[in-house]
C-alpha atoms as a PDB file:
ATOM      1  CA  MET A   1      89.346   9.557  11.532  1.00  0.00           C
ATOM      2  CA  ARG A   2      89.326   7.737  14.559  1.00  0.00           C
ATOM      3  CA  VAL A   3      86.223   7.399  16.966  1.00  0.00           C
ATOM      4  CA  LEU A   4      87.153   7.551  20.375  1.00  0.00           C
ATOM      5  CA  LYS A   5      85.580   5.392  23.376  1.00  0.00           C
ATOM      6  CA  TYR A   6      84.949   6.685  26.114  1.00  0.00           C
ATOM      7  CA  ARG A   7      84.200   5.535  29.985  1.00  0.00           C
ATOM      8  CA  ARG A   8      83.047   6.552  32.930  1.00  0.00           C
ATOM      9  CA  ALA A   9      85.614   8.249  35.349  1.00  0.00           C
ATOM     10  CA  SER A  10      86.543   5.115  37.986  1.00  0.00           C
ATOM     11  CA  ARG A  11      85.245   7.282  41.000  1.00  0.00           C
ATOM     12  CA  CYS A  12      81.642   7.372  39.924  1.00  0.00           C
ATOM     13  CA  GLU A  13      82.133   4.147  39.187  1.00  0.00           C
ATOM     14  CA  GLU A  14      83.023   3.864  42.991  1.00  0.00           C
ATOM     15  CA  LEU A  15      81.071   5.849  44.346  1.00  0.00           C
ATOM     16  CA  ASN A  16      77.856   4.401  41.699  1.00  0.00           C
ATOM     17  CA  GLN A  17      77.340   7.997  41.180  1.00  0.00           C
ATOM     18  CA  GLN A  18      74.742   9.440  37.506  1.00  0.00           C
ATOM     19  CA  GLY A  19      75.774  12.556  36.174  1.00  0.00           C
ATOM     20  CA  CYS A  20      79.766  11.970  36.563  1.00  0.00           C
ATOM     21  CA  VAL A  21      82.208  12.713  33.614  1.00  0.00           C
ATOM     22  CA  GLU A  22      83.556  10.106  30.349  1.00  0.00           C
ATOM     23  CA  VAL A  23      87.114   9.883  29.406  1.00  0.00           C
ATOM     24  CA  ALA A  24      88.606   8.596  26.473  1.00  0.00           C
ATOM     25  CA  ASN A  25      92.207   8.514  25.587  1.00  0.00           C
ATOM     26  CA  GLY A  26      93.119   9.589  22.889  1.00  0.00           C
ATOM     27  CA  PRO A  27      96.627  10.314  20.779  1.00  0.00           C
ATOM     28  CA  GLY A  28      98.558  12.391  23.126  1.00  0.00           C
ATOM     29  CA  PHE A  29      95.430  13.777  25.086  1.00  0.00           C
ATOM     30  CA  VAL A  30      92.737  12.887  27.229  1.00  0.00           C
ATOM     31  CA  ALA A  31      89.113  13.659  25.921  1.00  0.00           C
ATOM     32  CA  VAL A  32      86.349  14.652  28.902  1.00  0.00           C
ATOM     33  CA  ARG A  33      82.668  15.424  28.880  1.00  0.00           C
ATOM     34  CA  ASP A  34      80.277  15.148  30.452  1.00  0.00           C
ATOM     35  CA  SER A  35      77.818  11.741  30.850  1.00  0.00           C
ATOM     36  CA  THR A  36      74.343  13.169  30.398  1.00  0.00           C
ATOM     37  CA  ASP A  37      75.186  15.253  27.426  1.00  0.00           C
ATOM     38  CA  ARG A  38      77.076  13.046  25.636  1.00  0.00           C
ATOM     39  CA  ASN A  39      76.583  15.139  22.147  1.00  0.00           C
ATOM     40  CA  GLY A  40      77.919  18.149  24.657  1.00  0.00           C
ATOM     41  CA  PRO A  41      81.880  20.019  24.416  1.00  0.00           C
ATOM     42  CA  VAL A  42      84.335  17.745  25.297  1.00  0.00           C
ATOM     43  CA  ILE A  43      87.355  18.985  27.204  1.00  0.00           C
ATOM     44  CA  LEU A  44      90.647  17.930  25.568  1.00  0.00           C
ATOM     45  CA  VAL A  45      94.146  17.539  27.873  1.00  0.00           C
ATOM     46  CA  THR A  46      97.160  16.677  27.618  1.00  0.00           C
ATOM     47  CA  ARG A  47      98.324  13.764  28.696  1.00  0.00           C
ATOM     48  CA  ARG A  48     100.687  15.256  31.064  1.00  0.00           C
ATOM     49  CA  ASN A  49      97.742  17.762  32.628  1.00  0.00           C
ATOM     50  CA  TRP A  50      95.264  15.136  32.890  1.00  0.00           C
ATOM     51  CA  GLN A  51      97.733  13.231  35.411  1.00  0.00           C
ATOM     52  CA  ARG A  52      98.464  16.191  36.989  1.00  0.00           C
ATOM     53  CA  LEU A  53      95.201  17.284  37.515  1.00  0.00           C
ATOM     54  CA  MET A  54      94.591  13.047  38.715  1.00  0.00           C
ATOM     55  CA  GLN A  55      97.436  13.775  41.188  1.00  0.00           C
ATOM     56  CA  ALA A  56      95.842  16.910  42.860  1.00  0.00           C
ATOM     57  CA  VAL A  57      92.243  14.856  42.965  1.00  0.00           C
ATOM     58  CA  ASN A  58      93.587  11.884  44.614  1.00  0.00           C
ATOM     59  CA  SER A  59      95.789  14.591  46.982  1.00  0.00           C
ATOM     60  CA  GLU A  60      92.522  16.410  48.223  1.00  0.00           C
ATOM     61  CA  ALA A  61      90.731  12.866  48.319  1.00  0.00           C
ATOM     62  CA  LEU A  62      92.418  11.700  51.128  1.00  0.00           C
END
């Protein structure tokens, strides 16, 4: 079993915010969890869908 290494989302780091999401790269997916509840649920998203989500978020932020 592979242990995922989570990191805080880069946008949260930029804004120095608490209560953001953490992400981890898995084999063919990105795992997303709440940084305030590390034992809580995890959402798994395909890499392609993660890229699409990040493109959409970034285009809205401009």
